PDB file of N, CA and C in Angstrom:
ATOM      1  N   UNK A   1     105.776  70.436 118.747  1.00  0.00           N
ATOM      2  CA  UNK A   1     106.620  71.192 118.011  1.00  0.00           C
ATOM      3  C   UNK A   1     107.135  72.330 118.494  1.00  0.00           C
ATOM      4  N   UNK A   2     108.110  72.945 118.068  1.00  0.00           N
ATOM      5  CA  UNK A   2     108.723  74.071 118.839  1.00  0.00           C
ATOM      6  C   UNK A   2     108.227  75.414 117.764  1.00  0.00           C
ATOM      7  N   UNK A   3     108.074  76.446 118.478  1.00  0.00           N
ATOM      8  CA  UNK A   3     108.151  77.681 117.731  1.00  0.00           C
ATOM      9  C   UNK A   3     109.162  78.651 118.288  1.00  0.00           C
ATOM     10  N   UNK A   4     109.668  79.488 117.548  1.00  0.00           N
ATOM     11  CA  UNK A   4     110.542  80.357 118.069  1.00  0.00           C
ATOM     12  C   UNK A   4     109.971  81.749 117.880  1.00  0.00           C
ATOM     13  N   UNK A   5     109.941  82.482 118.943  1.00  0.00           N
ATOM     14  CA  UNK A   5     109.310  83.669 119.131  1.00  0.00           C
ATOM     15  C   UNK A   5     110.531  84.839 118.763  1.00  0.00           C
ATOM     16  N   UNK A   6     110.387  85.678 117.693  1.00  0.00           N
ATOM     17  CA  UNK A   6     111.356  86.647 117.207  1.00  0.00           C
ATOM     18  C   UNK A   6     111.106  87.979 117.450  1.00  0.00           C
ATOM     19  N   UNK A   7     111.775  88.620 118.209  1.00  0.00           N
ATOM     20  CA  UNK A   7     111.614  90.033 118.620  1.00  0.00           C
ATOM     21  C   UNK A   7     112.042  90.960 117.597  1.00  0.00           C
ATOM     22  N   UNK A   8     111.294  91.748 116.998  1.00  0.00           N
ATOM     23  CA  UNK A   8     111.662  92.474 116.018  1.00  0.00           C
ATOM     24  C   UNK A   8     111.666  94.082 116.301  1.00  0.00           C
ATOM     25  N   UNK A   9     112.836  94.655 116.480  1.00  0.00           N
ATOM     26  CA  UNK A   9     112.543  96.249 116.934  1.00  0.00           C
ATOM     27  C   UNK A   9     113.205  97.129 115.791  1.00  0.00           C
ATOM     28  N   UNK A  10     112.305  98.106 115.518  1.00  0.00           N
ATOM     29  CA  UNK A  10     112.570  98.923 114.264  1.00  0.00           C
ATOM     30  C   UNK A  10     111.944 100.258 114.510  1.00  0.00           C
ATOM     31  N   UNK A  11     112.798 101.216 114.304  1.00  0.00           N
ATOM     32  CA  UNK A  11     112.415 102.776 114.532  1.00  0.00           C
ATOM     33  C   UNK A  11     111.843 102.851 115.998  1.00  0.00           C
ATOM     34  N   UNK A  12     112.304 102.032 116.961  1.00  0.00           N
ATOM     35  CA  UNK A  12     111.673 102.262 118.296  1.00  0.00           C
ATOM     36  C   UNK A  12     110.558 101.519 118.538  1.00  0.00           C
ATOM     37  N   UNK A  13     110.162 100.832 117.497  1.00  0.00           N
ATOM     38  CA  UNK A  13     108.712  99.936 117.838  1.00  0.00           C
ATOM     39  C   UNK A  13     109.155  98.450 117.743  1.00  0.00           C
ATOM     40  N   UNK A  14     108.313  97.764 118.510  1.00  0.00           N
ATOM     41  CA  UNK A  14     109.001  96.322 118.678  1.00  0.00           C
ATOM     42  C   UNK A  14     107.603  95.549 118.271  1.00  0.00           C
ATOM     43  N   UNK A  15     107.852  94.425 117.702  1.00  0.00           N
ATOM     44  CA  UNK A  15     106.784  93.519 117.433  1.00  0.00           C
ATOM     45  C   UNK A  15     107.493  92.113 117.480  1.00  0.00           C
ATOM     46  N   UNK A  16     106.373  91.126 117.568  1.00  0.00           N
ATOM     47  CA  UNK A  16     107.133  89.671 117.811  1.00  0.00           C
ATOM     48  C   UNK A  16     106.393  89.078 116.503  1.00  0.00           C
ATOM     49  N   UNK A  17     107.288  87.906 116.076  1.00  0.00           N
ATOM     50  CA  UNK A  17     106.801  87.167 115.030  1.00  0.00           C
ATOM     51  C   UNK A  17     107.259  85.708 115.509  1.00  0.00           C
ATOM     52  N   UNK A  18     106.072  84.704 115.277  1.00  0.00           N
ATOM     53  CA  UNK A  18     106.498  83.275 115.805  1.00  0.00           C
ATOM     54  C   UNK A  18     106.674  82.396 114.506  1.00  0.00           C
ATOM     55  N   UNK A  19     107.772  81.768 114.370  1.00  0.00           N
ATOM     56  CA  UNK A  19     108.097  80.871 113.330  1.00  0.00           C
ATOM     57  C   UNK A  19     108.671  79.587 113.702  1.00  0.00           C
ATOM     58  N   UNK A  20     108.236  78.721 113.030  1.00  0.00           N
ATOM     59  CA  UNK A  20     108.697  77.311 113.287  1.00  0.00           C
ATOM     60  C   UNK A  20     110.126  77.011 112.549  1.00  0.00           C
ATOM     61  N   UNK A  21     110.758  76.039 112.870  1.00  0.00           N
ATOM     62  CA  UNK A  21     112.218  75.821 112.291  1.00  0.00           C
ATOM     63  C   UNK A  21     111.803  75.589 110.814  1.00  0.00           C
ATOM     64  N   UNK A  22     110.781  74.796 110.380  1.00  0.00           N
ATOM     65  CA  UNK A  22     110.522  74.724 108.819  1.00  0.00           C
ATOM     66  C   UNK A  22     110.366  75.952 108.136  1.00  0.00           C
ATOM     67  N   UNK A  23     109.812  76.938 108.689  1.00  0.00           N
ATOM     68  CA  UNK A  23     109.471  78.365 108.188  1.00  0.00           C
ATOM     69  C   UNK A  23     110.982  78.924 107.927  1.00  0.00           C
ATOM     70  N   UNK A  24     111.891  78.685 108.847  1.00  0.00           N
ATOM     71  CA  UNK A  24     113.340  79.275 108.633  1.00  0.00           C
ATOM     72  C   UNK A  24     113.932  78.527 107.721  1.00  0.00           C
ATOM     73  N   UNK A  25     113.851  77.108 107.467  1.00  0.00           N
ATOM     74  CA  UNK A  25     114.512  76.609 106.463  1.00  0.00           C
ATOM     75  C   UNK A  25     113.895  76.967 105.068  1.00  0.00           C
ATOM     76  N   UNK A  26     112.708  76.970 105.004  1.00  0.00           N
ATOM     77  CA  UNK A  26     112.013  77.397 103.570  1.00  0.00           C
ATOM     78  C   UNK A  26     112.625  78.942 103.327  1.00  0.00           C
ATOM     79  N   UNK A  27     112.713  79.914 104.110  1.00  0.00           N
ATOM     80  CA  UNK A  27     113.237  81.176 104.021  1.00  0.00           C
ATOM     81  C   UNK A  27     114.640  81.043 103.441  1.00  0.00           C
ATOM     82  N   UNK A  28     115.216  80.155 104.105  1.00  0.00           N
ATOM     83  CA  UNK A  28     116.907  80.055 103.722  1.00  0.00           C
ATOM     84  C   UNK A  28     116.887  79.491 102.157  1.00  0.00           C
ATOM     85  N   UNK A  29     116.128  78.496 101.818  1.00  0.00           N
ATOM     86  CA  UNK A  29     116.028  78.208 100.688  1.00  0.00           C
ATOM     87  C   UNK A  29     115.909  79.155  99.442  1.00  0.00           C
ATOM     88  N   UNK A  30     114.814  79.943  99.808  1.00  0.00           N
ATOM     89  CA  UNK A  30     114.382  81.156  98.940  1.00  0.00           C
ATOM     90  C   UNK A  30     115.543  82.173  99.016  1.00  0.00           C
ATOM     91  N   UNK A  31     115.933  82.470 100.098  1.00  0.00           N
ATOM     92  CA  UNK A  31     117.137  83.715 100.140  1.00  0.00           C
ATOM     93  C   UNK A  31     118.388  83.248  99.572  1.00  0.00           C
ATOM     94  N   UNK A  32     118.670  81.842  99.371  1.00  0.00           N
ATOM     95  CA  UNK A  32     119.816  81.472  98.764  1.00  0.00           C
ATOM     96  C   UNK A  32     119.889  81.799  97.314  1.00  0.00           C
ATOM     97  N   UNK A  33     118.862  82.150  96.555  1.00  0.00           N
ATOM     98  CA  UNK A  33     118.666  82.458  95.126  1.00  0.00           C
ATOM     99  C   UNK A  33     118.912  83.847  94.848  1.00  0.00           C
ATOM    100  N   UNK A  34     118.868  84.612  95.962  1.00  0.00           N
ATOM    101  CA  UNK A  34     119.005  86.019  95.742  1.00  0.00           C
ATOM    102  C   UNK A  34     120.380  86.593  96.393  1.00  0.00           C
ATOM    103  N   UNK A  35     120.830  86.203  97.575  1.00  0.00           N
ATOM    104  CA  UNK A  35     121.844  86.656  98.351  1.00  0.00           C
ATOM    105  C   UNK A  35     122.762  85.549  98.826  1.00  0.00           C
ATOM    106  N   UNK A  36     124.067  85.852  99.354  1.00  0.00           N
ATOM    107  CA  UNK A  36     125.013  85.058  99.796  1.00  0.00           C
ATOM    108  C   UNK A  36     124.412  84.771 101.289  1.00  0.00           C
ATOM    109  N   UNK A  37     124.046  83.421 101.911  1.00  0.00           N
ATOM    110  CA  UNK A  37     123.509  83.247 103.049  1.00  0.00           C
ATOM    111  C   UNK A  37     124.335  82.694 104.039  1.00  0.00           C
ATOM    112  N   UNK A  38     124.294  82.980 105.316  1.00  0.00           N
ATOM    113  CA  UNK A  38     125.135  82.306 106.309  1.00  0.00           C
ATOM    114  C   UNK A  38     124.564  80.821 106.652  1.00  0.00           C
ATOM    115  N   UNK A  39     125.297  80.023 107.185  1.00  0.00           N
ATOM    116  CA  UNK A  39     124.886  78.699 107.595  1.00  0.00           C
ATOM    117  C   UNK A  39     123.630  78.741 108.436  1.00  0.00           C
ATOM    118  N   UNK A  40     122.587  77.710 108.206  1.00  0.00           N
ATOM    119  CA  UNK A  40     121.563  77.703 108.975  1.00  0.00           C
ATOM    120  C   UNK A  40     121.591  76.245 109.880  1.00  0.00           C
ATOM    121  N   UNK A  41     121.430  76.522 111.137  1.00  0.00           N
ATOM    122  CA  UNK A  41     121.373  75.325 111.915  1.00  0.00           C
ATOM    123  C   UNK A  41     120.881  73.955 111.383  1.00  0.00           C
ATOM    124  N   UNK A  42     121.429  72.886 111.611  1.00  0.00           N
ATOM    125  CA  UNK A  42     121.003  71.641 111.167  1.00  0.00           C
ATOM    126  C   UNK A  42     119.649  71.294 111.264  1.00  0.00           C
ATOM    127  N   UNK A  43     118.929  70.901 110.045  1.00  0.00           N
ATOM    128  CA  UNK A  43     117.530  70.469 110.184  1.00  0.00           C
ATOM    129  C   UNK A  43     117.066  69.366 111.115  1.00  0.00           C
ATOM    130  N   UNK A  44     118.144  68.422 111.241  1.00  0.00           N
ATOM    131  CA  UNK A  44     117.930  67.266 112.013  1.00  0.00           C
ATOM    132  C   UNK A  44     118.653  67.502 113.560  1.00  0.00           C
ATOM    133  N   UNK A  45     117.761  67.266 114.435  1.00  0.00           N
ATOM    134  CA  UNK A  45     118.253  67.368 115.793  1.00  0.00           C
ATOM    135  C   UNK A  45     118.032  65.936 116.453  1.00  0.00           C
ATOM    136  N   UNK A  46     119.107  65.346 117.020  1.00  0.00           N
ATOM    137  CA  UNK A  46     118.905  64.016 117.611  1.00  0.00           C
ATOM    138  C   UNK A  46     118.264  63.905 118.822  1.00  0.00           C
ATOM    139  N   UNK A  47     118.420  64.859 119.794  1.00  0.00           N
ATOM    140  CA  UNK A  47     117.813  64.773 121.077  1.00  0.00           C
ATOM    141  C   UNK A  47     117.243  66.153 121.427  1.00  0.00           C
ATOM    142  N   UNK A  48     116.094  66.386 122.035  1.00  0.00           N
ATOM    143  CA  UNK A  48     115.445  67.531 122.445  1.00  0.00           C
ATOM    144  C   UNK A  48     115.855  68.189 123.634  1.00  0.00           C
ATOM    145  N   UNK A  49     117.002  67.927 123.954  1.00  0.00           N
ATOM    146  CA  UNK A  49     117.238  68.345 125.452  1.00  0.00           C
ATOM    147  C   UNK A  49     117.622  69.932 125.426  1.00  0.00           C
ATOM    148  N   UNK A  50     117.277  70.769 126.638  1.00  0.00           N
ATOM    149  CA  UNK A  50     117.530  72.047 126.479  1.00  0.00           C
ATOM    150  C   UNK A  50     118.630  72.574 125.879  1.00  0.00           C
ATOM    151  N   UNK A  51     119.910  72.095 126.258  1.00  0.00           N
ATOM    152  CA  UNK A  51     121.232  72.635 125.674  1.00  0.00           C
ATOM    153  C   UNK A  51     121.251  72.695 124.094  1.00  0.00           C
ATOM    154  N   UNK A  52     120.792  71.529 123.661  1.00  0.00           N
ATOM    155  CA  UNK A  52     120.571  71.529 121.951  1.00  0.00           C
ATOM    156  C   UNK A  52     119.497  72.458 121.386  1.00  0.00           C
ATOM    157  N   UNK A  53     118.404  72.664 122.253  1.00  0.00           N
ATOM    158  CA  UNK A  53     117.398  73.529 121.808  1.00  0.00           C
ATOM    159  C   UNK A  53     118.009  75.094 121.833  1.00  0.00           C
ATOM    160  N   UNK A  54     118.757  75.251 122.979  1.00  0.00           N
ATOM    161  CA  UNK A  54     119.283  76.576 122.890  1.00  0.00           C
ATOM    162  C   UNK A  54     120.356  76.926 122.159  1.00  0.00           C
ATOM    163  N   UNK A  55     121.139  75.729 121.514  1.00  0.00           N
ATOM    164  CA  UNK A  55     122.107  75.935 120.463  1.00  0.00           C
ATOM    165  C   UNK A  55     121.399  76.232 119.158  1.00  0.00           C
ATOM    166  N   UNK A  56     120.354  75.708 118.934  1.00  0.00           N
ATOM    167  CA  UNK A  56     119.494  75.863 117.763  1.00  0.00           C
ATOM    168  C   UNK A  56     118.896  77.309 117.740  1.00  0.00           C
ATOM    169  N   UNK A  57     118.454  77.762 118.983  1.00  0.00           N
ATOM    170  CA  UNK A  57     117.725  78.995 118.959  1.00  0.00           C
ATOM    171  C   UNK A  57     118.895  80.102 118.703  1.00  0.00           C
ATOM    172  N   UNK A  58     120.212  79.995 119.369  1.00  0.00           N
ATOM    173  CA  UNK A  58     121.129  81.099 119.079  1.00  0.00           C
ATOM    174  C   UNK A  58     121.590  80.937 117.584  1.00  0.00           C
ATOM    175  N   UNK A  59     121.638  79.619 116.932  1.00  0.00           N
ATOM    176  CA  UNK A  59     122.083  79.643 115.696  1.00  0.00           C
ATOM    177  C   UNK A  59     121.015  80.457 114.666  1.00  0.00           C
ATOM    178  N   UNK A  60     119.747  80.330 114.981  1.00  0.00           N
ATOM    179  CA  UNK A  60     118.973  80.860 114.191  1.00  0.00           C
ATOM    180  C   UNK A  60     119.034  82.580 114.591  1.00  0.00           C
ATOM    181  N   UNK A  61     119.039  82.760 115.542  1.00  0.00           N
ATOM    182  CA  UNK A  61     119.122  84.310 115.883  1.00  0.00           C
ATOM    183  C   UNK A  61     120.563  84.786 115.074  1.00  0.00           C
ATOM    184  N   UNK A  62     121.489  84.019 115.359  1.00  0.00           N
ATOM    185  CA  UNK A  62     122.737  84.666 114.647  1.00  0.00           C
ATOM    186  C   UNK A  62     122.550  84.535 112.954  1.00  0.00           C
ATOM    187  N   UNK A  63     121.977  83.753 112.574  1.00  0.00           N
ATOM    188  CA  UNK A  63     121.398  83.531 111.296  1.00  0.00           C
ATOM    189  C   UNK A  63     120.740  84.893 110.770  1.00  0.00           C
ATOM    190  N   UNK A  64     119.726  85.143 111.409  1.00  0.00           N
ATOM    191  CA  UNK A  64     118.926  86.406 111.087  1.00  0.00           C
ATOM    192  C   UNK A  64     119.671  87.756 111.056  1.00  0.00           C
ATOM    193  N   UNK A  65     120.605  87.840 112.274  1.00  0.00           N
ATOM    194  CA  UNK A  65     121.601  88.803 112.306  1.00  0.00           C
ATOM    195  C   UNK A  65     122.568  89.005 111.324  1.00  0.00           C
ATOM    196  N   UNK A  66     123.060  87.896 110.830  1.00  0.00           N
ATOM    197  CA  UNK A  66     124.105  87.927 109.830  1.00  0.00           C
ATOM    198  C   UNK A  66     123.519  88.436 108.445  1.00  0.00           C
ATOM    199  N   UNK A  67     122.283  87.751 108.175  1.00  0.00           N
ATOM    200  CA  UNK A  67     121.635  88.274 106.919  1.00  0.00           C
ATOM    201  C   UNK A  67     121.355  89.818 106.850  1.00  0.00           C
ATOM    202  N   UNK A  68     121.004  90.346 108.153  1.00  0.00           N
ATOM    203  CA  UNK A  68     120.923  91.908 108.042  1.00  0.00           C
ATOM    204  C   UNK A  68     122.094  92.597 108.095  1.00  0.00           C
ATOM    205  N   UNK A  69     123.137  92.126 108.641  1.00  0.00           N
ATOM    206  CA  UNK A  69     124.438  92.933 108.743  1.00  0.00           C
ATOM    207  C   UNK A  69     125.184  92.724 107.293  1.00  0.00           C
ATOM    208  N   UNK A  70     125.038  91.677 106.711  1.00  0.00           N
ATOM    209  CA  UNK A  70     125.658  91.505 105.526  1.00  0.00           C
ATOM    210  C   UNK A  70     125.078  91.908 104.127  1.00  0.00           C
ATOM    211  N   UNK A  71     123.776  92.586 104.245  1.00  0.00           N
ATOM    212  CA  UNK A  71     123.249  92.701 103.092  1.00  0.00           C
ATOM    213  C   UNK A  71     122.847  94.235 103.285  1.00  0.00           C
ATOM    214  N   UNK A  72     123.256  95.128 102.346  1.00  0.00           N
ATOM    215  CA  UNK A  72     122.688  96.560 102.442  1.00  0.00           C
ATOM    216  C   UNK A  72     121.238  96.586 101.988  1.00  0.00           C
ATOM    217  N   UNK A  73     120.820  95.855 101.216  1.00  0.00           N
ATOM    218  CA  UNK A  73     119.352  95.908 100.904  1.00  0.00           C
ATOM    219  C   UNK A  73     118.932  94.501 101.279  1.00  0.00           C
ATOM    220  N   UNK A  74     117.801  94.443 101.921  1.00  0.00           N
ATOM    221  CA  UNK A  74     117.256  93.087 102.455  1.00  0.00           C
ATOM    222  C   UNK A  74     116.086  92.847 101.439  1.00  0.00           C
ATOM    223  N   UNK A  75     116.286  91.459 101.031  1.00  0.00           N
ATOM    224  CA  UNK A  75     115.289  91.078 100.208  1.00  0.00           C
ATOM    225  C   UNK A  75     113.904  91.093 100.687  1.00  0.00           C
ATOM    226  N   UNK A  76     112.726  91.304  99.962  1.00  0.00           N
ATOM    227  CA  UNK A  76     111.359  91.346 100.418  1.00  0.00           C
ATOM    228  C   UNK A  76     110.954  90.169 101.073  1.00  0.00           C
ATOM    229  N   UNK A  77     111.351  89.008 100.594  1.00  0.00           N
ATOM    230  CA  UNK A  77     111.074  87.643 101.291  1.00  0.00           C
ATOM    231  C   UNK A  77     111.479  87.700 102.642  1.00  0.00           C
ATOM    232  N   UNK A  78     112.806  88.264 103.048  1.00  0.00           N
ATOM    233  CA  UNK A  78     113.198  88.284 104.408  1.00  0.00           C
ATOM    234  C   UNK A  78     112.316  89.287 105.222  1.00  0.00           C
ATOM    235  N   UNK A  79     111.991  90.516 104.683  1.00  0.00           N
ATOM    236  CA  UNK A  79     111.224  91.550 105.339  1.00  0.00           C
ATOM    237  C   UNK A  79     109.801  90.734 105.664  1.00  0.00           C
ATOM    238  N   UNK A  80     109.424  90.072 104.619  1.00  0.00           N
ATOM    239  CA  UNK A  80     107.873  89.430 104.940  1.00  0.00           C
ATOM    240  C   UNK A  80     107.893  88.479 106.069  1.00  0.00           C
ATOM    241  N   UNK A  81     109.061  87.771 106.194  1.00  0.00           N
ATOM    242  CA  UNK A  81     109.174  86.759 107.029  1.00  0.00           C
ATOM    243  C   UNK A  81     109.047  87.517 108.448  1.00  0.00           C
ATOM    244  N   UNK A  82     109.899  88.610 108.688  1.00  0.00           N
ATOM    245  CA  UNK A  82     110.011  89.372 109.866  1.00  0.00           C
ATOM    246  C   UNK A  82     108.638  90.269 110.194  1.00  0.00           C
ATOM    247  N   UNK A  83     107.803  90.214 109.159  1.00  0.00           N
ATOM    248  CA  UNK A  83     106.571  91.058 109.103  1.00  0.00           C
ATOM    249  C   UNK A  83     107.010  92.434 109.154  1.00  0.00           C
ATOM    250  N   UNK A  84     107.881  93.000 108.307  1.00  0.00           N
ATOM    251  CA  UNK A  84     108.498  94.298 108.402  1.00  0.00           C
ATOM    252  C   UNK A  84     107.676  94.798 106.910  1.00  0.00           C
ATOM    253  N   UNK A  85     107.155  95.796 106.771  1.00  0.00           N
ATOM    254  CA  UNK A  85     106.432  96.441 105.658  1.00  0.00           C
ATOM    255  C   UNK A  85     107.274  97.090 104.806  1.00  0.00           C
ATOM    256  N   UNK A  86     108.154  98.025 105.361  1.00  0.00           N
ATOM    257  CA  UNK A  86     109.009  98.806 104.658  1.00  0.00           C
ATOM    258  C   UNK A  86     110.338  99.229 105.511  1.00  0.00           C
ATOM    259  N   UNK A  87     111.298  99.377 104.739  1.00  0.00           N
ATOM    260  CA  UNK A  87     112.793  99.720 105.624  1.00  0.00           C
ATOM    261  C   UNK A  87     112.916 101.186 105.561  1.00  0.00           C
ATOM    262  N   UNK A  88     113.259 101.777 106.758  1.00  0.00           N
ATOM    263  CA  UNK A  88     113.542 103.224 106.833  1.00  0.00           C
ATOM    264  C   UNK A  88     114.663 103.578 106.054  1.00  0.00           C
ATOM    265  N   UNK A  89     114.795 104.795 105.649  1.00  0.00           N
ATOM    266  CA  UNK A  89     115.962 105.383 104.967  1.00  0.00           C
ATOM    267  C   UNK A  89     117.067 105.725 106.189  1.00  0.00           C
ATOM    268  N   UNK A  90     118.061 106.220 105.712  1.00  0.00           N
ATOM    269  CA  UNK A  90     119.253 106.350 106.704  1.00  0.00           C
ATOM    270  C   UNK A  90     118.796 106.764 108.069  1.00  0.00           C
ATOM    271  N   UNK A  91     119.409 106.647 109.181  1.00  0.00           N
ATOM    272  CA  UNK A  91     120.343 105.523 109.357  1.00  0.00           C
ATOM    273  C   UNK A  91     119.564 104.039 109.483  1.00  0.00           C
ATOM    274  N   UNK A  92     119.891 103.244 109.029  1.00  0.00           N
ATOM    275  CA  UNK A  92     119.287 101.809 108.924  1.00  0.00           C
ATOM    276  C   UNK A  92     119.808 101.167 110.216  1.00  0.00           C
ATOM    277  N   UNK A  93     118.855 101.181 111.245  1.00  0.00           N
ATOM    278  CA  UNK A  93     119.072 100.713 112.436  1.00  0.00           C
ATOM    279  C   UNK A  93     118.167  99.537 112.647  1.00  0.00           C
ATOM    280  N   UNK A  94     118.602  98.397 112.524  1.00  0.00           N
ATOM    281  CA  UNK A  94     117.828  96.976 112.288  1.00  0.00           C
ATOM    282  C   UNK A  94     117.991  96.271 113.605  1.00  0.00           C
ATOM    283  N   UNK A  95     117.192  95.547 114.069  1.00  0.00           N
ATOM    284  CA  UNK A  95     117.237  94.581 115.168  1.00  0.00           C
ATOM    285  C   UNK A  95     116.357  93.375 114.922  1.00  0.00           C
ATOM    286  N   UNK A  96     116.998  92.364 115.065  1.00  0.00           N
ATOM    287  CA  UNK A  96     116.003  91.007 115.145  1.00  0.00           C
ATOM    288  C   UNK A  96     116.333  90.525 116.275  1.00  0.00           C
ATOM    289  N   UNK A  97     116.006  91.088 117.352  1.00  0.00           N
ATOM    290  CA  UNK A  97     116.115  90.788 118.656  1.00  0.00           C
ATOM    291  C   UNK A  97     116.338  89.555 119.172  1.00  0.00           C
ATOM    292  N   UNK A  98     115.817  89.082 120.261  1.00  0.00           N
ATOM    293  CA  UNK A  98     116.147  87.812 120.803  1.00  0.00           C
ATOM    294  C   UNK A  98     114.957  86.802 120.409  1.00  0.00           C
ATOM    295  N   UNK A  99     115.099  85.808 120.701  1.00  0.00           N
ATOM    296  CA  UNK A  99     114.130  84.537 120.529  1.00  0.00           C
ATOM    297  C   UNK A  99     113.783  84.215 122.001  1.00  0.00           C
ATOM    298  N   UNK A 100     112.441  83.837 122.164  1.00  0.00           N
ATOM    299  CA  UNK A 100     112.258  83.045 123.371  1.00  0.00           C
ATOM    300  C   UNK A 100     111.676  81.738 122.803  1.00  0.00           C
ATOM    301  N   UNK A 101     112.211  80.693 123.473  1.00  0.00           N
ATOM    302  CA  UNK A 101     111.907  79.378 122.960  1.00  0.00           C
ATOM    303  C   UNK A 101     110.494  78.961 123.416  1.00  0.00           C
ATOM    304  N   UNK A 102     109.457  78.776 122.774  1.00  0.00           N
ATOM    305  CA  UNK A 102     108.202  78.535 123.374  1.00  0.00           C
ATOM    306  C   UNK A 102     107.931  76.988 123.029  1.00  0.00           C
ATOM    307  N   UNK A 103     107.622  76.107 123.965  1.00  0.00           N
ATOM    308  CA  UNK A 103     107.348  74.605 123.555  1.00  0.00           C
ATOM    309  C   UNK A 103     105.994  74.548 123.812  1.00  0.00           C
ATOM    310  N   UNK A 104     105.272  73.674 122.867  1.00  0.00           N
ATOM    311  CA  UNK A 104     103.943  73.462 123.363  1.00  0.00           C
ATOM    312  C   UNK A 104     103.990  72.073 124.233  1.00  0.00           C
ATOM    313  N   UNK A 105     103.076  72.288 125.089  1.00  0.00           N
ATOM    314  CA  UNK A 105     102.817  71.238 126.093  1.00  0.00           C
ATOM    315  C   UNK A 105     104.070  71.273 127.270  1.00  0.00           C
ATOM    316  N   UNK A 106     104.926  71.997 127.226  1.00  0.00           N
ATOM    317  CA  UNK A 106     105.840  72.167 128.130  1.00  0.00           C
ATOM    318  C   UNK A 106     106.157  73.509 128.838  1.00  0.00           C
ATOM    319  N   UNK A 107     106.296  73.427 129.978  1.00  0.00           N
ATOM    320  CA  UNK A 107     106.208  74.628 130.780  1.00  0.00           C
ATOM    321  C   UNK A 107     107.575  75.411 130.898  1.00  0.00           C
ATOM    322  N   UNK A 108     108.650  74.743 130.468  1.00  0.00           N
ATOM    323  CA  UNK A 108     109.997  75.397 130.458  1.00  0.00           C
ATOM    324  C   UNK A 108     109.978  76.426 129.556  1.00  0.00           C
ATOM    325  N   UNK A 109     110.536  77.637 129.919  1.00  0.00           N
ATOM    326  CA  UNK A 109     110.417  78.781 129.045  1.00  0.00           C
ATOM    327  C   UNK A 109     111.926  79.506 129.355  1.00  0.00           C
ATOM    328  N   UNK A 110     112.618  79.549 128.293  1.00  0.00           N
ATOM    329  CA  UNK A 110     113.885  80.176 128.336  1.00  0.00           C
ATOM    330  C   UNK A 110     113.701  81.815 127.904  1.00  0.00           C
ATOM    331  N   UNK A 111     114.107  82.420 129.004  1.00  0.00           N
ATOM    332  CA  UNK A 111     114.158  83.937 128.581  1.00  0.00           C
ATOM    333  C   UNK A 111     115.262  84.615 128.067  1.00  0.00           C
ATOM    334  N   UNK A 112     115.451  85.566 127.246  1.00  0.00           N
ATOM    335  CA  UNK A 112     116.810  85.937 126.719  1.00  0.00           C
ATOM    336  C   UNK A 112     116.561  87.599 126.702  1.00  0.00           C
ATOM    337  N   UNK A 113     117.680  88.160 126.723  1.00  0.00           N
ATOM    338  CA  UNK A 113     117.619  89.551 126.637  1.00  0.00           C
ATOM    339  C   UNK A 113     117.802  89.961 125.237  1.00  0.00           C
ATOM    340  N   UNK A 114     117.246  91.127 124.739  1.00  0.00           N
ATOM    341  CA  UNK A 114     117.200  91.485 123.327  1.00  0.00           C
ATOM    342  C   UNK A 114     118.552  91.823 122.876  1.00  0.00           C
ATOM    343  N   UNK A 115     118.813  91.430 121.663  1.00  0.00           N
ATOM    344  CA  UNK A 115     120.173  92.007 120.926  1.00  0.00           C
ATOM    345  C   UNK A 115     119.784  92.794 119.894  1.00  0.00           C
ATOM    346  N   UNK A 116     120.498  94.063 119.976  1.00  0.00           N
ATOM    347  CA  UNK A 116     120.271  95.092 118.973  1.00  0.00           C
ATOM    348  C   UNK A 116     121.466  95.056 118.033  1.00  0.00           C
ATOM    349  N   UNK A 117     121.072  95.166 116.785  1.00  0.00           N
ATOM    350  CA  UNK A 117     121.976  95.346 115.810  1.00  0.00           C
ATOM    351  C   UNK A 117     121.978  96.863 114.973  1.00  0.00           C
ATOM    352  N   UNK A 118     123.024  97.373 114.896  1.00  0.00           N
ATOM    353  CA  UNK A 118     123.028  98.543 114.101  1.00  0.00           C
ATOM    354  C   UNK A 118     123.844  98.411 112.854  1.00  0.00           C
ATOM    355  N   UNK A 119     123.473  98.766 111.622  1.00  0.00           N
ATOM    356  CA  UNK A 119     124.225  98.527 110.524  1.00  0.00           C
ATOM    357  C   UNK A 119     125.117  99.602 110.347  1.00  0.00           C
ATOM    358  N   UNK A 120     124.724 100.870 110.814  1.00  0.00           N
ATOM    359  CA  UNK A 120     125.683 101.959 110.670  1.00  0.00           C
ATOM    360  C   UNK A 120     125.629 102.406 112.245  1.00  0.00           C
ATOM    361  N   UNK A 121     126.461 103.069 112.723  1.00  0.00           N
ATOM    362  CA  UNK A 121     126.497 103.960 113.883  1.00  0.00           C
ATOM    363  C   UNK A 121     125.382 104.689 114.019  1.00  0.00           C
ATOM    364  N   UNK A 122     124.415 104.535 115.063  1.00  0.00           N
ATOM    365  CA  UNK A 122     123.266 105.420 115.145  1.00  0.00           C
ATOM    366  C   UNK A 122     123.651 107.061 115.501  1.00  0.00           C
ATOM    367  N   UNK A 123     124.672 107.132 116.115  1.00  0.00           N
ATOM    368  CA  UNK A 123     125.116 108.310 116.757  1.00  0.00           C
ATOM    369  C   UNK A 123     125.942 109.079 115.895  1.00  0.00           C
ATOM    370  N   UNK A 124     126.268 108.585 114.706  1.00  0.00           N
ATOM    371  CA  UNK A 124     127.025 109.253 113.735  1.00  0.00           C
ATOM    372  C   UNK A 124     126.310 109.922 112.554  1.00  0.00           C
ATOM    373  N   UNK A 125     126.272 111.036 112.283  1.00  0.00           N
ATOM    374  CA  UNK A 125     125.530 111.556 111.114  1.00  0.00           C
ATOM    375  C   UNK A 125     126.212 111.160 109.943  1.00  0.00           C
ATOM    376  N   UNK A 126     125.428 110.927 108.844  1.00  0.00           N
ATOM    377  CA  UNK A 126     126.107 110.563 107.461  1.00  0.00           C
ATOM    378  C   UNK A 126     126.651 111.985 107.052  1.00  0.00           C
ATOM    379  N   UNK A 127     127.851 111.735 106.379  1.00  0.00           N
ATOM    380  CA  UNK A 127     128.307 112.880 105.648  1.00  0.00           C
ATOM    381  C   UNK A 127     127.595 113.767 104.840  1.00  0.00           C
ATOM    382  N   UNK A 128     127.661 114.954 104.718  1.00  0.00           N
ATOM    383  CA  UNK A 128     126.973 115.730 103.644  1.00  0.00           C
ATOM    384  C   UNK A 128     127.771 115.718 102.521  1.00  0.00           C
ATOM    385  N   UNK A 129     127.169 115.627 101.409  1.00  0.00           N
ATOM    386  CA  UNK A 129     127.882 115.684 100.052  1.00  0.00           C
ATOM    387  C   UNK A 129     128.156 117.168  99.525  1.00  0.00           C
TER     388      UNK A 129
END
């Protein structure tokens, strides 16, 4: 089976969470009850060739980033999924970095550059009221 290694960068601290596709799918089903969710990559993959696996990895990465970008407040289920205990107050600089695809019993490992997301410009201070 496959495991997706998620790099989470928050407040300059980095940690990794490993999740299987089935865990993403379960998260998606729960999130749909609370927020508008993006599309999740298909559950069924015909062939496990590297190109297809990379498409799934990118799709899941985009899924997480879209949830973060489109929601001012992230549901607790989502934070738990990423193993994040609490959200910082302003400015909200979130990242659900990149994935590394890790295959059991296969030595091929795809490495990816981290992707950072900022919900607000981190260099612009909020206006004082």
